[in-house]
Amino acid sequence: MKQFIKLSFTVSLIMFVIVGCGGKEKIEVSSITIPLDKFEEMAPEYVDKTISTTGIVDHVCKHGGKKLLLVTDDYSLHVYADERYDDSIVGTEIEIIGKVGEDIIDESTFQKWEEDANSMEEHDRKMGIIEYVEMMRDSLKTCGKDHFSDYYLTYVSHKSVE
């Protein structure tokens, strides 16, 4: 009886490994599609969730190649990746799947920017940053908020739109 239990356990374990690790890469699919021109207004309810959207790849950043700008006539969105994008996708329309992320820009961000600016030697650039921070603070006061949100996507996958 012990041998039968051991054999059953071993067979079950092997089947679990074969089924669970079938050697196929898991491709995440999103059932939530957000039109790119509605991304800014809809993103707050989908932070940390996977969505899909469609747009034209305007450019892949030259420095590291791990950021692209997806655009429509009315909106643009940064999509960040762990791996370098292929430059050949520039100018093509793609459907991209990604996880919605949010950067919070608040008083602590402004203070960091001011500290960085104050350590700069170049006076014009330093003053430009300080003026920008003051403009952002004024904008927050005007709209009655304590922060701005900058939404983006973290890349999961994409396919060309034909």
C-alpha atoms as a PDB file:
ATOM      1  CA  MET A   1       0.000   0.000   0.000  1.00  0.00           C
ATOM      2  CA  LYS A   2       2.877   2.366   0.844  1.00  0.00           C
ATOM      3  CA  GLN A   3       4.369   1.788  -2.599  1.00  0.00           C
ATOM      4  CA  PHE A   4       1.044   2.588  -4.239  1.00  0.00           C
ATOM      5  CA  ILE A   5       0.776   5.888  -2.293  1.00  0.00           C
ATOM      6  CA  LYS A   6       4.385   6.783  -3.156  1.00  0.00           C
ATOM      7  CA  LEU A   7       3.811   5.943  -6.807  1.00  0.00           C
ATOM      8  CA  SER A   8       0.562   7.927  -6.903  1.00  0.00           C
ATOM      9  CA  PHE A   9       2.278  10.902  -5.270  1.00  0.00           C
ATOM     10  CA  THR A  10       5.213  10.723  -7.702  1.00  0.00           C
ATOM     11  CA  VAL A  11       2.950  10.471 -10.761  1.00  0.00           C
ATOM     12  CA  SER A  12       0.829  13.370  -9.477  1.00  0.00           C
ATOM     13  CA  LEU A  13       3.937  15.480  -8.900  1.00  0.00           C
ATOM     14  CA  ILE A  14       5.293  14.738 -12.376  1.00  0.00           C
ATOM     15  CA  MET A  15       1.928  15.582 -13.971  1.00  0.00           C
ATOM     16  CA  PHE A  16       1.797  18.843 -12.010  1.00  0.00           C
ATOM     17  CA  VAL A  17       5.255  19.813 -13.232  1.00  0.00           C
ATOM     18  CA  ILE A  18       4.459  18.879 -16.846  1.00  0.00           C
ATOM     19  CA  VAL A  19       1.160  20.774 -16.886  1.00  0.00           C
ATOM     20  CA  GLY A  20       2.388  23.730 -14.844  1.00  0.00           C
ATOM     21  CA  CYS A  21       5.663  24.173 -16.687  1.00  0.00           C
ATOM     22  CA  GLY A  22       4.603  23.199 -20.165  1.00  0.00           C
ATOM     23  CA  GLY A  23       7.579  25.036 -21.596  1.00  0.00           C
ATOM     24  CA  LYS A  24       5.381  27.752 -23.037  1.00  0.00           C
ATOM     25  CA  GLU A  25       5.970  31.360 -22.114  1.00  0.00           C
ATOM     26  CA  LYS A  26       2.970  32.859 -20.354  1.00  0.00           C
ATOM     27  CA  ILE A  27       1.690  35.851 -22.300  1.00  0.00           C
ATOM     28  CA  GLU A  28      -0.436  38.212 -20.268  1.00  0.00           C
ATOM     29  CA  VAL A  29      -3.661  39.272 -21.942  1.00  0.00           C
ATOM     30  CA  SER A  30      -5.704  42.221 -20.818  1.00  0.00           C
ATOM     31  CA  SER A  31      -9.468  42.333 -21.056  1.00  0.00           C
ATOM     32  CA  ILE A  32      -9.402  46.049 -20.202  1.00  0.00           C
ATOM     33  CA  THR A  33      -8.808  48.313 -23.191  1.00  0.00           C
ATOM     34  CA  ILE A  34      -8.424  52.039 -22.714  1.00  0.00           C
ATOM     35  CA  PRO A  35      -8.385  54.332 -25.754  1.00  0.00           C
ATOM     36  CA  LEU A  36      -5.105  56.238 -25.613  1.00  0.00           C
ATOM     37  CA  ASP A  37      -6.859  59.609 -25.733  1.00  0.00           C
ATOM     38  CA  LYS A  38      -8.860  58.594 -22.602  1.00  0.00           C
ATOM     39  CA  PHE A  39      -5.842  57.215 -20.709  1.00  0.00           C
ATOM     40  CA  GLU A  40      -5.268  60.244 -18.454  1.00  0.00           C
ATOM     41  CA  GLU A  41      -8.856  60.338 -17.207  1.00  0.00           C
ATOM     42  CA  MET A  42      -9.236  56.559 -16.810  1.00  0.00           C
ATOM     43  CA  ALA A  43      -5.767  55.690 -15.459  1.00  0.00           C
ATOM     44  CA  PRO A  44      -6.504  56.485 -11.774  1.00  0.00           C
ATOM     45  CA  GLU A  45      -8.951  53.568 -11.528  1.00  0.00           C
ATOM     46  CA  TYR A  46      -6.476  51.134 -13.153  1.00  0.00           C
ATOM     47  CA  VAL A  47      -3.220  51.854 -11.263  1.00  0.00           C
ATOM     48  CA  ASP A  48      -1.346  48.553 -10.740  1.00  0.00           C
ATOM     49  CA  LYS A  49      -3.679  46.799 -13.190  1.00  0.00           C
ATOM     50  CA  THR A  50      -2.860  45.493 -16.657  1.00  0.00           C
ATOM     51  CA  ILE A  51      -4.572  47.201 -19.596  1.00  0.00           C
ATOM     52  CA  SER A  52      -4.174  47.466 -23.343  1.00  0.00           C
ATOM     53  CA  THR A  53      -4.152  50.522 -25.561  1.00  0.00           C
ATOM     54  CA  THR A  54      -3.299  51.364 -29.142  1.00  0.00           C
ATOM     55  CA  GLY A  55      -1.202  54.120 -30.671  1.00  0.00           C
ATOM     56  CA  ILE A  56       1.675  54.977 -32.961  1.00  0.00           C
ATOM     57  CA  VAL A  57       5.235  54.642 -31.682  1.00  0.00           C
ATOM     58  CA  ASP A  58       6.556  58.193 -32.059  1.00  0.00           C
ATOM     59  CA  HIS A  59      10.034  57.381 -30.843  1.00  0.00           C
ATOM     60  CA  VAL A  60      12.187  55.048 -28.798  1.00  0.00           C
ATOM     61  CA  CYS A  61      14.496  56.937 -26.456  1.00  0.00           C
ATOM     62  CA  LYS A  62      18.015  56.872 -27.820  1.00  0.00           C
ATOM     63  CA  HIS A  63      19.822  56.878 -24.466  1.00  0.00           C
ATOM     64  CA  GLY A  64      18.816  53.461 -23.159  1.00  0.00           C
ATOM     65  CA  GLY A  65      16.133  52.324 -25.563  1.00  0.00           C
ATOM     66  CA  LYS A  66      13.907  51.216 -22.686  1.00  0.00           C
ATOM     67  CA  LYS A  67      11.273  53.931 -23.050  1.00  0.00           C
ATOM     68  CA  LEU A  68       8.965  54.654 -25.952  1.00  0.00           C
ATOM     69  CA  LEU A  69       6.448  57.367 -26.647  1.00  0.00           C
ATOM     70  CA  LEU A  70       3.070  56.113 -27.854  1.00  0.00           C
ATOM     71  CA  VAL A  71       0.912  58.795 -29.485  1.00  0.00           C
ATOM     72  CA  THR A  72      -2.412  59.644 -31.063  1.00  0.00           C
ATOM     73  CA  ASP A  73      -3.455  63.044 -32.405  1.00  0.00           C
ATOM     74  CA  ASP A  74      -4.626  64.056 -28.923  1.00  0.00           C
ATOM     75  CA  TYR A  75      -2.394  62.311 -26.381  1.00  0.00           C
ATOM     76  CA  SER A  76       1.028  60.821 -25.709  1.00  0.00           C
ATOM     77  CA  LEU A  77       2.095  58.184 -23.202  1.00  0.00           C
ATOM     78  CA  HIS A  78       5.454  56.878 -22.007  1.00  0.00           C
ATOM     79  CA  VAL A  79       5.848  53.106 -21.886  1.00  0.00           C
ATOM     80  CA  TYR A  80       8.811  51.768 -19.877  1.00  0.00           C
ATOM     81  CA  ALA A  81      10.411  48.356 -20.353  1.00  0.00           C
ATOM     82  CA  ASP A  82      13.106  46.239 -18.730  1.00  0.00           C
ATOM     83  CA  GLU A  83      14.565  45.335 -22.113  1.00  0.00           C
ATOM     84  CA  ARG A  84      15.587  47.572 -24.997  1.00  0.00           C
ATOM     85  CA  TYR A  85      12.893  48.249 -27.624  1.00  0.00           C
ATOM     86  CA  ASP A  86      13.626  47.466 -31.264  1.00  0.00           C
ATOM     87  CA  ASP A  87      13.956  50.781 -33.140  1.00  0.00           C
ATOM     88  CA  SER A  88      12.127  49.261 -36.120  1.00  0.00           C
ATOM     89  CA  ILE A  89       8.765  49.787 -34.365  1.00  0.00           C
ATOM     90  CA  VAL A  90       9.091  53.584 -34.647  1.00  0.00           C
ATOM     91  CA  GLY A  91       6.310  54.897 -36.862  1.00  0.00           C
ATOM     92  CA  THR A  92       4.176  51.770 -36.564  1.00  0.00           C
ATOM     93  CA  GLU A  93       0.793  51.414 -34.926  1.00  0.00           C
ATOM     94  CA  ILE A  94       0.809  48.893 -32.094  1.00  0.00           C
ATOM     95  CA  GLU A  95      -1.502  47.492 -29.482  1.00  0.00           C
ATOM     96  CA  ILE A  96       0.450  47.458 -26.261  1.00  0.00           C
ATOM     97  CA  ILE A  97      -0.310  45.653 -23.026  1.00  0.00           C
ATOM     98  CA  GLY A  98       1.125  47.137 -19.869  1.00  0.00           C
ATOM     99  CA  LYS A  99       0.671  47.747 -16.192  1.00  0.00           C
ATOM    100  CA  VAL A 100      -0.545  51.234 -15.266  1.00  0.00           C
ATOM    101  CA  GLY A 101       1.833  53.103 -12.977  1.00  0.00           C
ATOM    102  CA  GLU A 102       1.633  56.452 -11.231  1.00  0.00           C
ATOM    103  CA  ASP A 103       4.312  58.922 -10.218  1.00  0.00           C
ATOM    104  CA  ILE A 104       3.204  61.339  -7.507  1.00  0.00           C
ATOM    105  CA  ILE A 105       4.588  64.859  -7.856  1.00  0.00           C
ATOM    106  CA  ASP A 106       4.124  66.685  -4.565  1.00  0.00           C
ATOM    107  CA  GLU A 107       5.901  69.049  -2.167  1.00  0.00           C
ATOM    108  CA  SER A 108       8.619  66.491  -1.389  1.00  0.00           C
ATOM    109  CA  THR A 109       9.316  66.220  -5.140  1.00  0.00           C
ATOM    110  CA  PHE A 110       9.527  70.015  -5.412  1.00  0.00           C
ATOM    111  CA  GLN A 111      11.961  70.166  -2.489  1.00  0.00           C
ATOM    112  CA  LYS A 112      14.166  67.516  -4.132  1.00  0.00           C
ATOM    113  CA  TRP A 113      14.151  69.451  -7.413  1.00  0.00           C
ATOM    114  CA  GLU A 114      15.112  72.648  -5.569  1.00  0.00           C
ATOM    115  CA  GLU A 115      17.967  70.882  -3.736  1.00  0.00           C
ATOM    116  CA  ASP A 116      19.235  69.529  -7.052  1.00  0.00           C
ATOM    117  CA  ALA A 117      18.949  72.966  -8.654  1.00  0.00           C
ATOM    118  CA  ASN A 118      20.788  74.664  -5.800  1.00  0.00           C
ATOM    119  CA  SER A 119      23.748  72.333  -6.307  1.00  0.00           C
ATOM    120  CA  MET A 120      24.049  73.363  -9.987  1.00  0.00           C
ATOM    121  CA  GLU A 121      26.730  75.723 -11.193  1.00  0.00           C
ATOM    122  CA  GLU A 122      24.881  76.920 -14.298  1.00  0.00           C
ATOM    123  CA  HIS A 123      22.831  79.916 -13.130  1.00  0.00           C
ATOM    124  CA  ASP A 124      20.281  80.022 -16.001  1.00  0.00           C
ATOM    125  CA  ARG A 125      19.408  76.352 -15.670  1.00  0.00           C
ATOM    126  CA  LYS A 126      19.235  76.627 -11.879  1.00  0.00           C
ATOM    127  CA  MET A 127      16.844  79.581 -12.093  1.00  0.00           C
ATOM    128  CA  GLY A 128      14.737  77.826 -14.730  1.00  0.00           C
ATOM    129  CA  ILE A 129      14.174  74.866 -12.407  1.00  0.00           C
ATOM    130  CA  ILE A 130      13.374  77.091  -9.438  1.00  0.00           C
ATOM    131  CA  GLU A 131      10.857  79.074 -11.531  1.00  0.00           C
ATOM    132  CA  TYR A 132       9.301  75.831 -12.784  1.00  0.00           C
ATOM    133  CA  VAL A 133       8.911  74.557  -9.207  1.00  0.00           C
ATOM    134  CA  GLU A 134       7.188  77.785  -8.185  1.00  0.00           C
ATOM    135  CA  MET A 135       4.850  77.549 -11.175  1.00  0.00           C
ATOM    136  CA  MET A 136       3.987  73.935 -10.228  1.00  0.00           C
ATOM    137  CA  ARG A 137       3.323  74.940  -6.603  1.00  0.00           C
ATOM    138  CA  ASP A 138       1.042  77.749  -7.792  1.00  0.00           C
ATOM    139  CA  SER A 139      -0.804  75.297 -10.052  1.00  0.00           C
ATOM    140  CA  LEU A 140      -1.394  72.943  -7.119  1.00  0.00           C
ATOM    141  CA  LYS A 141      -2.761  75.796  -5.018  1.00  0.00           C
ATOM    142  CA  THR A 142      -5.037  76.902  -7.871  1.00  0.00           C
ATOM    143  CA  CYS A 143      -6.523  73.443  -8.394  1.00  0.00           C
ATOM    144  CA  GLY A 144      -6.751  72.733  -4.654  1.00  0.00           C
ATOM    145  CA  LYS A 145      -4.786  69.494  -4.758  1.00  0.00           C
ATOM    146  CA  ASP A 146      -1.776  68.300  -2.770  1.00  0.00           C
ATOM    147  CA  HIS A 147      -0.131  66.493  -5.716  1.00  0.00           C
ATOM    148  CA  PHE A 148      -0.060  65.898  -9.444  1.00  0.00           C
ATOM    149  CA  SER A 149      -0.171  62.387 -10.871  1.00  0.00           C
ATOM    150  CA  ASP A 150       1.902  61.358 -13.862  1.00  0.00           C
ATOM    151  CA  TYR A 151       0.595  58.086 -15.322  1.00  0.00           C
ATOM    152  CA  TYR A 152       2.585  55.682 -17.481  1.00  0.00           C
ATOM    153  CA  LEU A 153       2.674  52.033 -18.586  1.00  0.00           C
ATOM    154  CA  THR A 154       5.176  49.342 -17.733  1.00  0.00           C
ATOM    155  CA  TYR A 155       5.565  47.116 -20.785  1.00  0.00           C
ATOM    156  CA  VAL A 156       4.208  43.563 -20.851  1.00  0.00           C
ATOM    157  CA  SER A 157       3.819  42.838 -24.582  1.00  0.00           C
ATOM    158  CA  HIS A 158       2.754  44.328 -27.908  1.00  0.00           C
ATOM    159  CA  LYS A 159       1.597  43.414 -31.379  1.00  0.00           C
ATOM    160  CA  SER A 160       1.391  45.334 -34.638  1.00  0.00           C
ATOM    161  CA  VAL A 161      -1.976  46.675 -35.697  1.00  0.00           C
ATOM    162  CA  GLU A 162      -2.630  45.902 -39.336  1.00  0.00           C
END
